[in-house]
Protein backbone atom coordinates (compact mmCIF):
# COMPACT_ATOMS: atom_id res chain seq x y z
CA UNK A 1 0.00 0.00 0.00
CA UNK A 2 1.42 3.34 -1.03
CA UNK A 3 1.78 5.91 1.75
CA UNK A 4 2.10 9.68 1.52
CA UNK A 5 4.50 10.97 4.13
CA UNK A 6 7.20 12.76 2.11
CA UNK A 7 6.10 16.33 2.74
CA UNK A 8 6.84 16.95 6.44
CA UNK A 9 7.15 20.72 5.98
CA UNK A 10 5.64 23.29 3.66
CA UNK A 11 9.16 24.03 2.35
CA UNK A 12 9.53 20.38 1.25
CA UNK A 13 6.09 20.39 -0.38
CA UNK A 14 6.66 23.74 -2.07
CA UNK A 15 9.96 22.52 -3.55
CA UNK A 16 8.21 19.49 -5.06
CA UNK A 17 5.35 21.66 -6.30
CA UNK A 18 7.63 24.14 -8.11
CA UNK A 19 5.95 25.05 -11.38
CA UNK A 20 2.55 23.68 -10.32
CA UNK A 21 -0.16 26.09 -11.55
CA UNK A 22 -1.87 26.08 -8.12
CA UNK A 23 1.32 26.96 -6.20
CA UNK A 24 0.37 30.61 -5.50
CA UNK A 25 -2.97 29.70 -3.88
CA UNK A 26 -1.40 26.69 -2.14
CA UNK A 27 1.25 28.95 -0.64
CA UNK A 28 -1.45 31.24 0.73
CA UNK A 29 -3.46 28.26 2.01
CA UNK A 30 -0.42 26.68 3.66
CA UNK A 31 0.47 29.97 5.34
CA UNK A 32 -3.11 30.38 6.61
CA UNK A 33 -3.28 26.76 7.82
CA UNK A 34 0.04 27.11 9.64
CA UNK A 35 -1.11 30.40 11.18
CA UNK A 36 -4.50 29.02 12.27
CA UNK A 37 -3.25 25.64 13.53
CA UNK A 38 -0.21 27.17 15.21
CA UNK A 39 1.51 24.71 17.55
CA UNK A 40 -1.20 22.04 17.38
CA UNK A 41 0.03 18.46 17.30
CA UNK A 42 -1.39 15.14 16.16
CA UNK A 43 -2.20 12.40 18.69
CA UNK A 44 1.26 10.99 17.91
CA UNK A 45 2.88 14.28 18.96
CA UNK A 46 3.89 15.22 15.39
CA UNK A 47 3.16 18.75 14.18
CA UNK A 48 -0.43 19.02 12.92
CA UNK A 49 0.80 20.52 9.66
CA UNK A 50 2.13 17.08 8.70
CA UNK A 51 -1.44 15.78 8.43
CA UNK A 52 -2.47 18.66 6.17
CA UNK A 53 0.58 18.14 3.95
CA UNK A 54 -0.02 14.38 3.79
CA UNK A 55 -3.58 15.03 2.62
CA UNK A 56 -2.27 17.44 -0.01
CA UNK A 57 0.30 14.86 -1.12
CA UNK A 58 -2.44 12.23 -1.43
CA UNK A 59 -4.38 14.48 -3.82
CA UNK A 60 -1.39 15.68 -5.87
CA UNK A 61 0.82 12.58 -6.06
CA UNK A 62 -1.82 9.91 -5.64
CA UNK A 63 -5.17 10.99 -7.04
CA UNK A 64 -3.61 13.44 -9.53
CA UNK A 65 -5.94 16.27 -8.53
CA UNK A 66 -4.91 19.67 -9.88
CA UNK A 67 -7.96 21.84 -9.16
CA UNK A 68 -6.66 24.82 -7.12
CA UNK A 69 -9.79 25.17 -4.96
CA UNK A 70 -9.78 21.48 -4.00
CA UNK A 71 -6.07 21.56 -3.20
CA UNK A 72 -6.42 24.73 -1.12
CA UNK A 73 -9.39 23.23 0.71
CA UNK A 74 -7.43 20.11 1.66
CA UNK A 75 -4.83 22.30 3.39
CA UNK A 76 -7.61 24.19 5.19
CA UNK A 77 -9.99 21.28 5.85
CA UNK A 78 -9.54 21.23 9.64
CA UNK A 79 -9.19 24.96 10.22
CA UNK A 80 -12.84 25.58 11.10
CA UNK A 81 -13.17 22.35 13.07
CA UNK A 82 -9.97 22.61 15.11
CA UNK A 83 -9.04 26.30 15.33
CA UNK A 84 -10.77 29.62 16.02
CA UNK A 85 -11.06 30.20 12.24
CA UNK A 86 -14.58 30.32 10.81
CA UNK A 87 -16.03 29.52 7.41
CA UNK A 88 -16.34 33.30 6.98
CA UNK A 89 -12.58 33.65 7.62
CA UNK A 90 -11.85 31.00 4.97
CA UNK A 91 -14.22 32.74 2.55
CA UNK A 92 -12.64 36.14 3.19
CA UNK A 93 -9.17 34.82 2.35
CA UNK A 94 -9.95 32.21 -0.32
CA UNK A 95 -13.42 32.86 -1.71
CA UNK A 96 -16.72 31.05 -1.53
CA UNK A 97 -15.62 28.03 -3.58
CA UNK A 98 -12.90 26.99 -1.09
CA UNK A 99 -15.06 27.96 1.87
CA UNK A 100 -17.90 25.73 0.66
CA UNK A 101 -15.57 22.74 0.35
CA UNK A 102 -14.18 23.34 3.84
CA UNK A 103 -17.70 23.74 5.21
CA UNK A 104 -18.78 20.37 3.76
CA UNK A 105 -15.95 18.51 5.50
CA UNK A 106 -16.22 20.30 8.85
CA UNK A 107 -17.82 18.19 11.56
CA UNK A 108 -20.48 20.06 13.54
CA UNK A 109 -19.42 20.80 17.12
CA UNK A 110 -20.40 18.04 19.55
CA UNK A 111 -19.64 19.92 22.75
CA UNK A 112 -21.60 18.90 25.81
CA UNK A 113 -22.58 15.54 24.38
CA UNK A 114 -21.69 12.21 25.92
CA UNK A 115 -19.50 9.67 24.11
CA UNK A 116 -22.48 7.80 22.63
CA UNK A 117 -24.07 11.03 21.38
CA UNK A 118 -20.75 12.24 19.93
CA UNK A 119 -20.37 8.99 17.98
CA UNK A 120 -23.95 9.29 16.69
CA UNK A 121 -23.32 12.90 15.63
CA UNK A 122 -20.13 11.83 13.82
CA UNK A 123 -21.98 9.02 12.05
CA UNK A 124 -24.66 11.50 10.91
CA UNK A 125 -21.93 13.83 9.61
CA UNK A 126 -20.26 10.99 7.71
CA UNK A 127 -23.59 9.90 6.18
CA UNK A 128 -24.25 13.51 5.10
CA UNK A 129 -21.04 13.44 3.07
CA UNK A 130 -22.88 11.15 0.66
CA UNK A 131 -24.67 14.30 -0.53
CA UNK A 132 -21.48 16.35 -0.82
CA UNK A 133 -20.11 17.58 -4.14
CA UNK A 134 -17.38 15.39 -5.64
CA UNK A 135 -14.61 17.89 -4.84
CA UNK A 136 -15.63 17.98 -1.16
CA UNK A 137 -15.57 14.18 -1.15
CA UNK A 138 -12.03 14.26 -2.58
CA UNK A 139 -10.98 16.49 0.32
CA UNK A 140 -12.54 14.09 2.83
CA UNK A 141 -10.98 11.06 1.16
CA UNK A 142 -7.52 12.65 1.25
CA UNK A 143 -8.06 13.59 4.90
CA UNK A 144 -9.02 10.03 5.81
CA UNK A 145 -6.22 8.50 3.73
CA UNK A 146 -3.73 10.57 5.69
CA UNK A 147 -5.28 9.44 8.96
CA UNK A 148 -5.47 5.72 8.15
CA UNK A 149 -2.25 5.14 6.23
CA UNK A 150 -0.39 4.60 9.51
CA UNK A 151 -3.28 3.38 11.64
CA UNK A 152 -1.00 0.89 13.37
CA UNK A 153 0.53 3.82 15.32
CA UNK A 154 -2.72 4.35 17.24
CA UNK A 155 -4.08 2.44 20.28
CA UNK A 156 -5.73 -0.92 19.41
CA UNK A 157 -9.28 0.11 20.40
CA UNK A 158 -9.04 3.22 18.25
CA UNK A 159 -7.66 1.15 15.34
CA UNK A 160 -10.63 -1.20 15.38
CA UNK A 161 -13.23 1.57 15.72
CA UNK A 162 -11.61 3.76 13.02
CA UNK A 163 -11.23 0.79 10.65
CA UNK A 164 -14.93 -0.08 11.01
CA UNK A 165 -15.95 3.56 10.56
CA UNK A 166 -13.77 3.89 7.46
CA UNK A 167 -15.12 0.71 5.88
CA UNK A 168 -18.73 1.70 6.67
CA UNK A 169 -18.71 5.36 5.64
CA UNK A 170 -15.57 6.21 3.66
CA UNK A 171 -15.25 3.25 1.27
CA UNK A 172 -18.66 3.99 -0.30
CA UNK A 173 -17.51 7.59 -0.87
CA UNK A 174 -14.26 6.31 -2.40
CA UNK A 175 -16.29 4.57 -5.11
CA UNK A 176 -16.73 8.01 -6.71
CA UNK A 177 -13.02 8.09 -7.62
CA UNK A 178 -11.27 5.15 -9.28
CA UNK A 179 -7.93 6.03 -7.70
CA UNK A 180 -9.38 6.34 -4.18
CA UNK A 181 -11.51 3.21 -4.65
CA UNK A 182 -8.38 1.21 -5.45
CA UNK A 183 -6.29 2.80 -2.69
CA UNK A 184 -8.91 2.26 0.03
CA UNK A 185 -9.53 -1.31 -1.14
CA UNK A 186 -5.83 -2.07 -0.79
CA UNK A 187 -5.86 -0.34 2.62
CA UNK A 188 -8.93 -2.36 3.69
CA UNK A 189 -7.16 -5.61 2.87
CA UNK A 190 -3.97 -4.54 4.64
CA UNK A 191 -5.87 -3.76 7.86
CA UNK A 192 -8.57 -6.46 7.64
CA UNK A 193 -7.08 -8.17 10.71
CA UNK A 194 -8.66 -5.40 12.80
CA UNK A 195 -12.16 -6.87 12.37
């Protein structure tokens, strides 16, 4: 299974993207994402920016996506969910097209809910993505590919739950894209022992 972990910093990604027609908007999006996410880290302790760059790498090097709005949105996909940034902030800096894509992939806040209610709210959000435009689905698929490509680094209970959630909700979305359908099928087989 191919993994996408080459771009650990924006400088590394930018060097590989030299000459890419979307580079100017990607530079702005990367700078905004880095500003909004600040010192956030992933559950593994790695800088949060690595996840955003992995998702970008999935779209560029894997799925061969070149649409500037989709690529900008993948760098910004967690800004509204995980930072003080709002959809209006994204729209002000990147326009309504990018803001709409980010809005589609932003989970609604589940504050104040118990664990069971939070899981139900997440399931409803994932089901709603079935109605999302194809470009928003590409953003979500790249996000999830980044998160699951090294699932073995997470605690066993999380691995099993996330595997089941991915198979249930994400694999049907992946059917919209031949590249993602093939990648997630290979991933599903590689992690099938988690069932």
